[in-house]
Amino acid sequence: MTGIGPVEPYHPDDTDGPHEDSPTDLLWSKSAPATTRWAALPRSRRRLLQALIVAAAATGAFFTLRPSPVTQVPPTPYPWPAGVTTLHYKGRGPTSATYRFEIDVARGSPVTVLQVGAGLPELGATTTPPLPLTVKAGSPRLITVRISVYKCAALPPALDLPHLDLLLSNRTARQQQSFLFGGTYPRDLWADLRAACFPNRASPAPTSLDRDTWRSLTRR
């Protein structure tokens, strides 16, 4: 047998409301504003959250303001020997048929001169000091080149741009480079060649040239 008893009035108990021991319900309630939810938190919980917020803000500021890492520039490769080596004519040498040159290296690793050629198949070249000759950057070296004639009849009628052919080497590569000369060197060289091979031509030989010595040294 079932039945319904008398209806009794309902009085909300204070225990049904929010408790300090369970603030989570109040914190995430959609109906309560944020300030109400924050005020409902225990003091210890509020201090913990404040500390976490401050730490997060400091971490974000650190990564935002941290300077970007410096990009390392790859080291400059060693330059090619022909690009940093220059040859300057310094006038006649101490003996007949010799010519002085200054070899200069602008930068990079030392450059070694392995061979020196006179630029024409009819001419030969020997050097003092003997080769190979190593030249460091910023420390020019003087070299004396003796030009010899293999066959006078095969010489051209004139030398427009006489040159020397140098075989150069450094840590990057080995290169054959021709150095052209204008001005004094072409005149000195051609005057000596004419005096040795064509003494009866119109232009007189330079007085500094010993013709007999030249012929004895250059003709083969």
Protein backbone atom coordinates (compact mmCIF):
# COMPACT_ATOMS: atom_id res chain seq x y z
CA MET A 1 0.00 0.00 0.00
CA THR A 2 1.36 3.30 -0.91
CA GLY A 3 0.41 6.75 0.10
CA ILE A 4 1.42 10.35 0.11
CA GLY A 5 2.17 12.06 3.36
CA PRO A 6 1.50 15.67 4.21
CA VAL A 7 3.37 18.25 2.23
CA GLU A 8 5.91 20.09 4.34
CA PRO A 9 7.38 23.51 3.52
CA TYR A 10 10.97 23.55 2.24
CA HIS A 11 13.56 25.70 3.99
CA PRO A 12 16.91 25.87 2.30
CA ASP A 13 19.70 24.76 4.53
CA ASP A 14 22.78 26.90 4.84
CA THR A 15 24.84 23.86 3.97
CA ASP A 16 23.44 23.86 0.44
CA GLY A 17 25.11 27.09 -0.51
CA PRO A 18 28.72 27.61 -1.58
CA HIS A 19 31.36 26.60 0.89
CA GLU A 20 34.81 27.96 1.28
CA ASP A 21 36.06 24.41 0.95
CA SER A 22 34.70 24.07 -2.61
CA PRO A 23 35.46 27.30 -4.48
CA THR A 24 35.75 25.58 -7.81
CA ASP A 25 32.03 25.60 -8.42
CA LEU A 26 31.93 29.31 -7.89
CA LEU A 27 35.08 29.97 -9.94
CA TRP A 28 33.79 28.28 -13.09
CA SER A 29 30.15 29.27 -12.71
CA LYS A 30 28.84 30.94 -15.82
CA SER A 31 26.42 33.07 -13.89
CA ALA A 32 28.87 34.59 -11.42
CA PRO A 33 31.09 37.47 -12.68
CA ALA A 34 34.87 37.09 -12.62
CA THR A 35 35.32 39.45 -9.69
CA THR A 36 32.84 37.44 -7.66
CA ARG A 37 34.59 34.20 -8.52
CA TRP A 38 37.99 35.70 -7.68
CA ALA A 39 36.71 37.04 -4.34
CA ALA A 40 35.30 33.63 -3.51
CA LEU A 41 38.73 31.98 -3.78
CA PRO A 42 40.66 31.31 -0.59
CA ARG A 43 43.48 33.75 0.07
CA SER A 44 46.12 31.05 -0.37
CA ARG A 45 44.67 30.10 -3.77
CA ARG A 46 44.62 33.73 -4.92
CA ARG A 47 48.28 34.17 -3.94
CA LEU A 48 49.23 31.04 -5.88
CA LEU A 49 47.38 32.22 -9.00
CA GLN A 50 48.94 35.68 -8.76
CA ALA A 51 52.38 34.13 -8.55
CA LEU A 52 51.67 31.98 -11.61
CA ILE A 53 50.42 35.00 -13.59
CA VAL A 54 53.50 37.04 -12.71
CA ALA A 55 55.80 34.15 -13.68
CA ALA A 56 54.02 33.68 -17.01
CA ALA A 57 54.24 37.40 -17.78
CA ALA A 58 57.95 37.46 -16.95
CA THR A 59 58.59 34.42 -19.15
CA GLY A 60 56.73 35.98 -22.09
CA ALA A 61 58.61 39.26 -21.71
CA PHE A 62 61.93 37.42 -21.65
CA PHE A 63 61.30 35.60 -24.94
CA THR A 64 59.77 38.72 -26.53
CA LEU A 65 62.64 41.07 -25.64
CA ARG A 66 65.46 38.55 -26.05
CA PRO A 67 67.72 39.64 -28.94
CA SER A 68 67.70 37.39 -31.95
CA PRO A 69 70.77 35.17 -32.26
CA VAL A 70 73.56 36.61 -34.35
CA THR A 71 73.85 34.83 -37.66
CA GLN A 72 77.38 33.60 -38.13
CA VAL A 73 78.94 34.82 -41.36
CA PRO A 74 80.73 32.01 -43.14
CA PRO A 75 84.49 32.57 -43.31
CA THR A 76 85.73 34.26 -46.45
CA PRO A 77 87.36 31.69 -48.72
CA TYR A 78 90.97 32.18 -49.65
CA PRO A 79 91.27 34.38 -52.76
CA TRP A 80 92.64 33.05 -56.02
CA PRO A 81 96.35 33.78 -56.42
CA ALA A 82 96.00 35.69 -59.70
CA GLY A 83 93.44 38.01 -58.12
CA VAL A 84 95.71 39.22 -55.31
CA THR A 85 99.16 39.18 -56.95
CA THR A 86 100.66 42.15 -58.81
CA LEU A 87 103.98 42.54 -60.62
CA HIS A 88 105.68 45.94 -60.87
CA TYR A 89 108.67 46.74 -63.08
CA LYS A 90 111.49 48.38 -61.10
CA GLY A 91 114.07 48.96 -63.83
CA ARG A 92 117.11 47.21 -65.17
CA GLY A 93 118.95 44.67 -63.10
CA PRO A 94 122.54 44.76 -61.86
CA THR A 95 123.90 42.98 -64.94
CA SER A 96 123.20 43.04 -68.65
CA ALA A 97 119.93 41.60 -69.94
CA THR A 98 118.37 41.55 -66.49
CA TYR A 99 115.23 43.30 -65.23
CA ARG A 100 114.00 43.82 -61.70
CA PHE A 101 110.38 43.26 -60.64
CA GLU A 102 108.51 43.56 -57.37
CA ILE A 103 105.96 40.86 -56.55
CA ASP A 104 103.22 41.98 -54.17
CA VAL A 105 100.38 39.97 -52.60
CA ALA A 106 97.46 42.07 -51.42
CA ARG A 107 95.80 39.67 -48.95
CA GLY A 108 95.12 36.07 -48.11
CA SER A 109 97.51 33.19 -47.80
CA PRO A 110 101.07 33.36 -49.18
CA VAL A 111 101.49 33.02 -52.94
CA THR A 112 104.29 30.91 -54.39
CA VAL A 113 105.79 31.74 -57.79
CA LEU A 114 106.53 28.39 -59.41
CA GLN A 115 107.55 29.46 -62.94
CA VAL A 116 108.34 32.65 -64.86
CA GLY A 117 108.12 32.80 -68.65
CA ALA A 118 109.20 35.59 -70.98
CA GLY A 119 105.93 35.60 -72.90
CA LEU A 120 107.26 34.56 -76.32
CA PRO A 121 108.49 31.14 -77.48
CA GLU A 122 111.65 32.80 -78.82
CA LEU A 123 112.54 34.12 -75.36
CA GLY A 124 113.57 32.38 -72.17
CA ALA A 125 113.65 33.59 -68.57
CA THR A 126 115.65 32.70 -65.48
CA THR A 127 115.28 34.32 -62.07
CA THR A 128 117.29 35.43 -59.08
CA PRO A 129 116.52 34.23 -56.45
CA PRO A 130 115.68 30.87 -58.01
CA LEU A 131 112.14 29.52 -57.98
CA PRO A 132 109.96 28.59 -56.22
CA LEU A 133 109.62 31.92 -54.44
CA THR A 134 106.97 32.45 -51.74
CA VAL A 135 105.56 35.93 -51.12
CA LYS A 136 103.50 36.75 -48.03
CA ALA A 137 100.69 39.31 -48.01
CA GLY A 138 102.04 42.76 -47.17
CA SER A 139 105.69 41.71 -47.67
CA PRO A 140 106.69 42.37 -51.32
CA ARG A 141 109.66 40.50 -52.76
CA LEU A 142 112.09 41.65 -55.44
CA ILE A 143 112.98 39.28 -58.23
CA THR A 144 115.47 39.73 -61.08
CA VAL A 145 114.58 38.18 -64.42
CA ARG A 146 117.20 37.47 -67.07
CA ILE A 147 115.77 37.36 -70.60
CA SER A 148 117.57 35.19 -73.17
CA VAL A 149 116.96 34.82 -76.92
CA TYR A 150 116.63 31.39 -78.49
CA LYS A 151 116.38 32.51 -82.12
CA CYS A 152 116.74 36.11 -83.26
CA ALA A 153 115.27 35.50 -86.73
CA ALA A 154 111.98 34.36 -85.18
CA LEU A 155 111.44 37.54 -83.18
CA PRO A 156 108.51 39.75 -84.25
CA PRO A 157 109.32 43.13 -85.81
CA ALA A 158 108.15 44.90 -82.66
CA LEU A 159 106.93 44.16 -79.15
CA ASP A 160 103.63 45.94 -78.59
CA LEU A 161 102.83 44.63 -75.11
CA PRO A 162 105.59 42.42 -73.76
CA HIS A 163 104.56 40.35 -70.78
CA LEU A 164 105.72 37.79 -68.30
CA ASP A 165 103.85 34.56 -67.63
CA LEU A 166 103.84 33.48 -63.99
CA LEU A 167 102.62 30.20 -62.57
CA LEU A 168 101.16 31.09 -59.16
CA SER A 169 99.96 28.90 -56.33
CA ASN A 170 98.31 29.40 -52.94
CA ARG A 171 95.95 27.48 -50.65
CA THR A 172 93.07 27.95 -53.09
CA ALA A 173 94.42 27.05 -56.50
CA ARG A 174 97.27 27.07 -59.00
CA GLN A 175 96.94 29.58 -61.84
CA GLN A 176 98.85 30.74 -64.91
CA GLN A 177 98.72 34.53 -65.09
CA SER A 178 100.12 36.91 -67.73
CA PHE A 179 101.30 40.34 -66.59
CA LEU A 180 101.37 43.01 -69.32
CA PHE A 181 103.68 45.98 -69.12
CA GLY A 182 103.68 49.37 -70.75
CA GLY A 183 106.13 52.24 -70.45
CA THR A 184 109.72 51.57 -69.48
CA TYR A 185 109.91 47.78 -69.61
CA PRO A 186 108.89 47.43 -73.30
CA ARG A 187 111.45 50.06 -74.29
CA ASP A 188 114.21 48.52 -72.22
CA LEU A 189 113.51 45.01 -73.44
CA TRP A 190 113.15 45.90 -77.10
CA ALA A 191 116.26 48.04 -77.06
CA ASP A 192 118.24 45.12 -75.66
CA LEU A 193 116.77 42.67 -78.17
CA ARG A 194 117.59 44.92 -81.11
CA ALA A 195 121.09 45.49 -79.84
CA ALA A 196 121.65 41.75 -79.54
CA CYS A 197 119.89 40.53 -82.67
CA PHE A 198 119.70 43.51 -85.04
CA PRO A 199 122.65 45.78 -84.25
CA ASN A 200 122.49 47.54 -87.64
CA ARG A 201 118.91 48.77 -87.26
CA ALA A 202 118.22 52.47 -86.94
CA SER A 203 117.57 52.68 -83.21
CA PRO A 204 120.87 52.71 -81.24
CA ALA A 205 121.39 50.23 -78.44
CA PRO A 206 121.33 51.60 -74.88
CA THR A 207 124.73 52.52 -73.55
CA SER A 208 124.18 50.41 -70.42
CA LEU A 209 124.09 47.25 -72.49
CA ASP A 210 127.30 45.34 -73.12
CA ARG A 211 126.52 43.95 -76.58
CA ASP A 212 129.19 41.25 -76.56
CA THR A 213 128.12 40.00 -73.16
CA TRP A 214 124.48 39.98 -74.27
CA ARG A 215 125.27 37.91 -77.36
CA SER A 216 127.36 35.43 -75.44
CA LEU A 217 124.63 34.93 -72.88
CA THR A 218 121.52 34.94 -75.03
CA ARG A 219 122.39 33.21 -78.29
CA ARG A 220 122.13 29.43 -78.34
